C-alpha atoms as a PDB file:
ATOM      1  CA  MET A   1      28.736   1.650 -24.808  1.00  0.00           C
ATOM      2  CA  LYS A   2      31.116   3.320 -27.814  1.00  0.00           C
ATOM      3  CA  ASN A   3      27.290   3.848 -29.768  1.00  0.00           C
ATOM      4  CA  VAL A   4      25.466   5.460 -26.927  1.00  0.00           C
ATOM      5  CA  PRO A   5      24.381   9.134 -27.263  1.00  0.00           C
ATOM      6  CA  TRP A   6      25.688  11.959 -25.433  1.00  0.00           C
ATOM      7  CA  HIS A   7      22.716  13.216 -23.575  1.00  0.00           C
ATOM      8  CA  ASP A   8      23.134  16.529 -24.956  1.00  0.00           C
ATOM      9  CA  GLU A   9      23.205  14.255 -28.449  1.00  0.00           C
ATOM     10  CA  VAL A  10      19.674  13.151 -26.909  1.00  0.00           C
ATOM     11  CA  VAL A  11      19.020  16.443 -26.108  1.00  0.00           C
ATOM     12  CA  GLY A  12      19.506  17.912 -30.234  1.00  0.00           C
ATOM     13  CA  PHE A  13      17.628  15.035 -31.842  1.00  0.00           C
ATOM     14  CA  CYS A  14      14.985  15.514 -30.063  1.00  0.00           C
ATOM     15  CA  GLU A  15      14.853  19.292 -29.969  1.00  0.00           C
ATOM     16  CA  GLN A  16      14.138  19.123 -34.115  1.00  0.00           C
ATOM     17  CA  LEU A  17      11.846  16.553 -33.572  1.00  0.00           C
ATOM     18  CA  ALA A  18       9.846  18.627 -30.830  1.00  0.00           C
ATOM     19  CA  GLU A  19      10.099  20.889 -34.303  1.00  0.00           C
ATOM     20  CA  GLY A  20       7.908  18.824 -36.431  1.00  0.00           C
ATOM     21  CA  LEU A  21       5.392  18.512 -33.555  1.00  0.00           C
ATOM     22  CA  PRO A  22       3.367  21.909 -33.545  1.00  0.00           C
ATOM     23  CA  ASP A  23       1.482  20.284 -30.126  1.00  0.00           C
ATOM     24  CA  TYR A  24       3.761  19.004 -28.561  1.00  0.00           C
ATOM     25  CA  GLU A  25       7.499  20.378 -26.869  1.00  0.00           C
ATOM     26  CA  ILE A  26      10.214  19.176 -24.720  1.00  0.00           C
ATOM     27  CA  ALA A  27       9.202  19.193 -21.094  1.00  0.00           C
ATOM     28  CA  SER A  28      11.119  17.144 -18.843  1.00  0.00           C
ATOM     29  CA  GLU A  29      14.645  15.429 -18.477  1.00  0.00           C
ATOM     30  CA  HIS A  30      17.135  13.120 -16.769  1.00  0.00           C
ATOM     31  CA  GLU A  31      19.715  13.445 -17.626  1.00  0.00           C
ATOM     32  CA  HIS A  32      21.602  10.237 -16.309  1.00  0.00           C
ATOM     33  CA  SER A  33      19.691   7.820 -17.339  1.00  0.00           C
ATOM     34  CA  ASN A  34      19.334   9.917 -20.674  1.00  0.00           C
ATOM     35  CA  CYS A  35      15.774  10.762 -21.254  1.00  0.00           C
ATOM     36  CA  ILE A  36      14.002  12.891 -22.975  1.00  0.00           C
ATOM     37  CA  LEU A  37      10.253  14.126 -22.146  1.00  0.00           C
ATOM     38  CA  LEU A  38       8.334  15.487 -25.335  1.00  0.00           C
ATOM     39  CA  ALA A  39       4.645  15.849 -23.941  1.00  0.00           C
ATOM     40  CA  HIS A  40       1.634  17.332 -25.170  1.00  0.00           C
ATOM     41  CA  LYS A  41       1.457  20.832 -24.625  1.00  0.00           C
ATOM     42  CA  LYS A  42      -1.948  20.159 -22.929  1.00  0.00           C
ATOM     43  CA  PHE A  43      -0.268  19.163 -19.914  1.00  0.00           C
ATOM     44  CA  TYR A  44       1.452  22.562 -19.271  1.00  0.00           C
ATOM     45  CA  LYS A  45      -1.094  25.382 -17.536  1.00  0.00           C
ATOM     46  CA  ASP A  46      -0.808  28.201 -15.679  1.00  0.00           C
ATOM     47  CA  GLY A  47       3.464  28.721 -16.768  1.00  0.00           C
ATOM     48  CA  ASN A  48       3.865  24.906 -15.392  1.00  0.00           C
ATOM     49  CA  TRP A  49       3.811  21.882 -17.191  1.00  0.00           C
ATOM     50  CA  TRP A  50       1.693  19.175 -15.255  1.00  0.00           C
ATOM     51  CA  THR A  51       3.437  15.661 -16.979  1.00  0.00           C
ATOM     52  CA  TRP A  52       3.408  13.753 -13.371  1.00  0.00           C
ATOM     53  CA  ILE A  53       0.878  11.067 -12.257  1.00  0.00           C
ATOM     54  CA  ASP A  54      -1.649  11.409  -8.952  1.00  0.00           C
ATOM     55  CA  PHE A  55      -2.013   7.986  -8.080  1.00  0.00           C
ATOM     56  CA  GLU A  56      -3.515   8.464  -5.440  1.00  0.00           C
ATOM     57  CA  ARG A  57      -6.340  10.248  -7.398  1.00  0.00           C
ATOM     58  CA  PHE A  58      -5.822   8.165 -10.459  1.00  0.00           C
ATOM     59  CA  HIS A  59      -7.263   4.868  -7.930  1.00  0.00           C
ATOM     60  CA  PHE A  60     -10.204   7.323  -6.964  1.00  0.00           C
ATOM     61  CA  LEU A  61     -10.873   7.956 -11.124  1.00  0.00           C
ATOM     62  CA  MET A  62     -10.684   4.655 -11.510  1.00  0.00           C
ATOM     63  CA  GLN A  63     -12.739   2.723  -9.292  1.00  0.00           C
ATOM     64  CA  GLN A  64     -16.001   5.796  -9.919  1.00  0.00           C
ATOM     65  CA  PHE A  65     -15.291   4.739 -12.793  1.00  0.00           C
ATOM     66  CA  VAL A  66     -16.170   0.775 -11.777  1.00  0.00           C
ATOM     67  CA  ASP A  67     -18.408   1.337  -9.896  1.00  0.00           C
ATOM     68  CA  SER A  68     -19.732   3.910 -12.751  1.00  0.00           C
ATOM     69  CA  LYS A  69     -19.819   0.669 -14.779  1.00  0.00           C
ATOM     70  CA  GLY A  70     -18.146   3.082 -16.857  1.00  0.00           C
ATOM     71  CA  ASP A  71     -20.377   5.696 -17.193  1.00  0.00           C
ATOM     72  CA  ILE A  72     -18.026   8.127 -15.304  1.00  0.00           C
ATOM     73  CA  THR A  73     -14.828   8.756 -17.154  1.00  0.00           C
ATOM     74  CA  PHE A  74     -11.908  10.335 -16.797  1.00  0.00           C
ATOM     75  CA  SER A  75      -8.856  11.670 -18.598  1.00  0.00           C
ATOM     76  CA  SER A  76      -5.140  11.557 -18.184  1.00  0.00           C
ATOM     77  CA  LEU A  77      -5.928  15.716 -16.972  1.00  0.00           C
ATOM     78  CA  ASP A  78      -7.499  14.656 -14.538  1.00  0.00           C
ATOM     79  CA  TYR A  79      -5.036  12.910 -13.042  1.00  0.00           C
ATOM     80  CA  MET A  80      -2.397  15.346 -13.833  1.00  0.00           C
ATOM     81  CA  ALA A  81       0.648  16.686 -11.298  1.00  0.00           C
ATOM     82  CA  GLN A  82       2.972  19.221 -11.289  1.00  0.00           C
ATOM     83  CA  THR A  83       6.007  17.979 -12.461  1.00  0.00           C
ATOM     84  CA  PRO A  84       8.668  18.811  -9.980  1.00  0.00           C
ATOM     85  CA  ASP A  85      11.238  21.868 -11.167  1.00  0.00           C
ATOM     86  CA  TRP A  86      14.319  20.470 -10.544  1.00  0.00           C
ATOM     87  CA  ALA A  87      12.864  17.520 -13.789  1.00  0.00           C
ATOM     88  CA  VAL A  88      12.007  20.598 -16.023  1.00  0.00           C
ATOM     89  CA  PHE A  89      13.533  20.591 -18.779  1.00  0.00           C
ATOM     90  CA  GLY A  90      16.097  23.400 -18.386  1.00  0.00           C
ATOM     91  CA  ALA A  91      17.293  22.806 -14.579  1.00  0.00           C
ATOM     92  CA  LYS A  92      20.158  23.447 -13.421  1.00  0.00           C
ATOM     93  CA  GLU A  93      19.440  19.752 -12.503  1.00  0.00           C
ATOM     94  CA  ARG A  94      18.971  18.063 -15.583  1.00  0.00           C
ATOM     95  CA  GLY A  95      16.592  15.954 -13.775  1.00  0.00           C
ATOM     96  CA  PHE A  96      18.108  14.247 -10.378  1.00  0.00           C
ATOM     97  CA  ASP A  97      16.275  15.236  -7.377  1.00  0.00           C
ATOM     98  CA  PRO A  98      18.191  17.328  -4.419  1.00  0.00           C
ATOM     99  CA  VAL A  99      17.527  15.605  -1.801  1.00  0.00           C
ATOM    100  CA  GLU A 100      18.825  12.328  -3.516  1.00  0.00           C
ATOM    101  CA  THR A 101      22.917  11.627  -3.454  1.00  0.00           C
ATOM    102  CA  ARG A 102      24.833  11.658  -6.600  1.00  0.00           C
ATOM    103  CA  TRP A 103      27.471   9.861  -7.798  1.00  0.00           C
ATOM    104  CA  HIS A 104      30.037  11.083  -9.455  1.00  0.00           C
ATOM    105  CA  ARG A 105      32.701   8.565 -11.190  1.00  0.00           C
ATOM    106  CA  ASN A 106      36.447   9.138 -11.413  1.00  0.00           C
ATOM    107  CA  SER A 107      37.621   6.490 -13.123  1.00  0.00           C
ATOM    108  CA  LYS A 108      36.579   4.440 -16.559  1.00  0.00           C
ATOM    109  CA  LYS A 109      36.054   1.726 -15.331  1.00  0.00           C
ATOM    110  CA  ASP A 110      36.033  -1.510 -17.947  1.00  0.00           C
ATOM    111  CA  ILE A 111      32.964  -2.253 -18.055  1.00  0.00           C
ATOM    112  CA  SER A 112      33.601  -4.015 -21.843  1.00  0.00           C
ATOM    113  CA  GLY A 113      32.407  -8.174 -20.485  1.00  0.00           C
ATOM    114  CA  CYS A 114      29.459  -6.761 -19.526  1.00  0.00           C
END
């Protein structure tokens, strides 16, 4: 784990990366997984990020596409779902779903043999 960056370091790196990508912004994070999502601004609508997938809608659209032999098409904008508030970058939960139980380790465990 000595070569794994801290989450704040990953955030800093992604902020710098986003500065060079004019159509992208940091949309979401999950601190525990040390993950940041850079999303295209087309997924930012009416003051909210829409980076989640409505799978029911996706499967419906996919079936339409298959049934029409490709005549009826769709894009990611057609099945996007609003990102939950707790998953939006900058939320106090930092990507942790508040209905889930978060476990904090109180002691350092030797994982060097992993």
